[in-house]
Amino acid sequence: YRGVKIAYLAGGTKGFHECEGDEGVFRRDVDSNILLIKDLLQDGAFVVFVSTEAVAKVGHGAAYSRNRLLVEQFIWTQKGGAIVRPRRFDASIAAGLAMFCKELGEGQQEGIFYWP
């Protein structure tokens, strides 16, 4: 990925139950994302991280939300990143969300953005 100008990260373990109590999920969703983002930023890339609106909710699915929030917190402390919190995920919003992320990346707009 060296030389990448804009990186769009949207991966992670899907589902609340899959994240609960699984140390491997934590390593993949938090540690690995943070290491990748750190490398990308140090190489001069702008990072757009697609998170979830669930980070603002407490209770059910706490590990799912926590994992994404920890990655968000790392991005907040860096220069060169945007965080997108979709209000929901389904096929009907995929194209619009992709275009929104593309605009953020191309414009290098830092911050937290809710969509739609």
Protein backbone atom coordinates (compact mmCIF):
# COMPACT_ATOMS: atom_id res chain seq x y z
CA TYR A 1 0.00 0.00 0.00
CA ARG A 2 3.00 2.31 -0.11
CA GLY A 3 2.39 5.39 -2.18
CA VAL A 4 -1.39 5.35 -1.68
CA LYS A 5 -2.78 8.90 -1.63
CA ILE A 6 -6.22 8.10 -0.17
CA ALA A 7 -7.15 4.99 1.82
CA TYR A 8 -10.74 3.95 2.45
CA LEU A 9 -11.13 1.52 5.37
CA ALA A 10 -14.49 -0.10 5.89
CA GLY A 11 -13.62 -3.52 7.23
CA GLY A 12 -14.38 -5.05 10.56
CA THR A 13 -16.17 -7.91 12.21
CA LYS A 14 -19.83 -7.76 11.33
CA GLY A 15 -22.35 -8.09 14.07
CA PHE A 16 -22.63 -7.35 17.74
CA HIS A 17 -22.54 -10.95 18.98
CA GLU A 18 -19.45 -11.89 16.98
CA CYS A 19 -17.41 -9.22 18.81
CA GLU A 20 -18.32 -10.06 22.38
CA GLY A 21 -15.56 -11.78 24.34
CA ASP A 22 -13.39 -12.66 21.32
CA GLU A 23 -9.81 -11.49 21.76
CA GLY A 24 -9.01 -12.34 18.14
CA VAL A 25 -11.73 -9.99 16.94
CA PHE A 26 -10.26 -7.22 19.10
CA ARG A 27 -6.80 -7.76 17.62
CA ARG A 28 -8.14 -7.68 14.06
CA ASP A 29 -10.61 -4.84 14.46
CA VAL A 30 -8.58 -2.56 16.73
CA ASP A 31 -4.88 -3.36 16.80
CA SER A 32 -4.55 -4.21 13.11
CA ASN A 33 -6.58 -1.21 11.94
CA ILE A 34 -4.59 1.17 14.13
CA LEU A 35 -1.26 -0.21 12.87
CA LEU A 36 -2.43 0.03 9.25
CA ILE A 37 -3.76 3.58 9.72
CA LYS A 38 -0.53 4.63 11.45
CA ASP A 39 1.52 3.33 8.52
CA LEU A 40 -0.76 4.95 5.95
CA LEU A 41 -0.65 8.34 7.66
CA GLN A 42 3.12 8.20 8.09
CA ASP A 43 3.38 7.48 4.36
CA GLY A 44 1.30 10.59 3.60
CA ALA A 45 -2.05 9.01 2.80
CA PHE A 46 -5.37 10.56 3.78
CA VAL A 47 -7.51 7.96 5.59
CA VAL A 48 -11.30 7.72 5.46
CA PHE A 49 -12.54 5.29 8.12
CA VAL A 50 -16.11 4.06 7.85
CA SER A 51 -17.23 3.45 11.42
CA THR A 52 -20.76 3.17 12.78
CA GLU A 53 -23.26 5.33 14.58
CA ALA A 54 -23.35 2.56 17.20
CA VAL A 55 -20.31 4.15 18.88
CA ALA A 56 -22.73 6.58 20.52
CA LYS A 57 -24.85 3.80 21.99
CA VAL A 58 -24.09 1.95 25.20
CA GLY A 59 -25.27 -1.50 26.20
CA HIS A 60 -26.12 -4.14 23.60
CA GLY A 61 -23.15 -4.83 21.39
CA ALA A 62 -20.73 -2.96 23.62
CA ALA A 63 -17.61 -4.66 22.19
CA TYR A 64 -18.69 -3.90 18.61
CA SER A 65 -19.09 -0.21 19.43
CA ARG A 66 -15.97 -0.08 21.60
CA ASN A 67 -13.77 -1.58 18.89
CA ARG A 68 -14.77 1.04 16.35
CA LEU A 69 -14.56 3.85 18.88
CA LEU A 70 -10.98 2.91 19.79
CA VAL A 71 -9.95 3.15 16.14
CA GLU A 72 -11.81 6.46 15.87
CA GLN A 73 -9.96 7.79 18.92
CA PHE A 74 -6.63 6.99 17.31
CA ILE A 75 -7.66 8.83 14.14
CA TRP A 76 -8.78 11.85 16.22
CA THR A 77 -5.25 12.22 17.54
CA GLN A 78 -3.72 12.29 14.07
CA LYS A 79 -3.75 14.69 11.16
CA GLY A 80 -5.04 13.38 7.85
CA GLY A 81 -8.19 11.41 8.58
CA ALA A 82 -11.95 11.45 8.31
CA ILE A 83 -14.43 9.30 10.23
CA VAL A 84 -17.80 8.47 8.66
CA ARG A 85 -20.61 7.21 10.87
CA PRO A 86 -23.39 5.81 8.72
CA ARG A 87 -26.75 5.80 10.45
CA ARG A 88 -27.42 2.35 8.98
CA PHE A 89 -25.85 -0.18 6.61
CA ASP A 90 -27.73 -1.82 3.79
CA ALA A 91 -27.47 -2.19 0.02
CA SER A 92 -29.76 0.78 -0.62
CA ILE A 93 -27.19 3.27 0.70
CA ALA A 94 -23.96 1.67 -0.54
CA ALA A 95 -23.52 3.78 -3.69
CA GLY A 96 -24.34 7.05 -1.95
CA LEU A 97 -22.06 6.25 0.99
CA ALA A 98 -19.22 5.37 -1.37
CA MET A 99 -19.60 8.69 -3.21
CA PHE A 100 -19.69 10.59 0.08
CA CYS A 101 -16.48 8.89 1.25
CA LYS A 102 -14.85 9.57 -2.11
CA GLU A 103 -15.64 13.29 -1.79
CA LEU A 104 -14.21 13.40 1.74
CA GLY A 105 -11.04 11.68 0.64
CA GLU A 106 -10.50 13.76 -2.48
CA GLY A 107 -11.17 16.96 -0.53
CA GLN A 108 -9.10 15.73 2.43
CA GLN A 109 -11.84 16.85 4.78
CA GLU A 110 -10.87 15.95 8.32
CA GLY A 111 -13.42 15.34 11.03
CA ILE A 112 -16.40 13.18 11.98
CA PHE A 113 -19.26 12.95 9.52
CA TYR A 114 -22.68 11.32 9.84
CA TRP A 115 -24.36 9.87 6.77
CA PRO A 116 -27.03 10.14 5.47
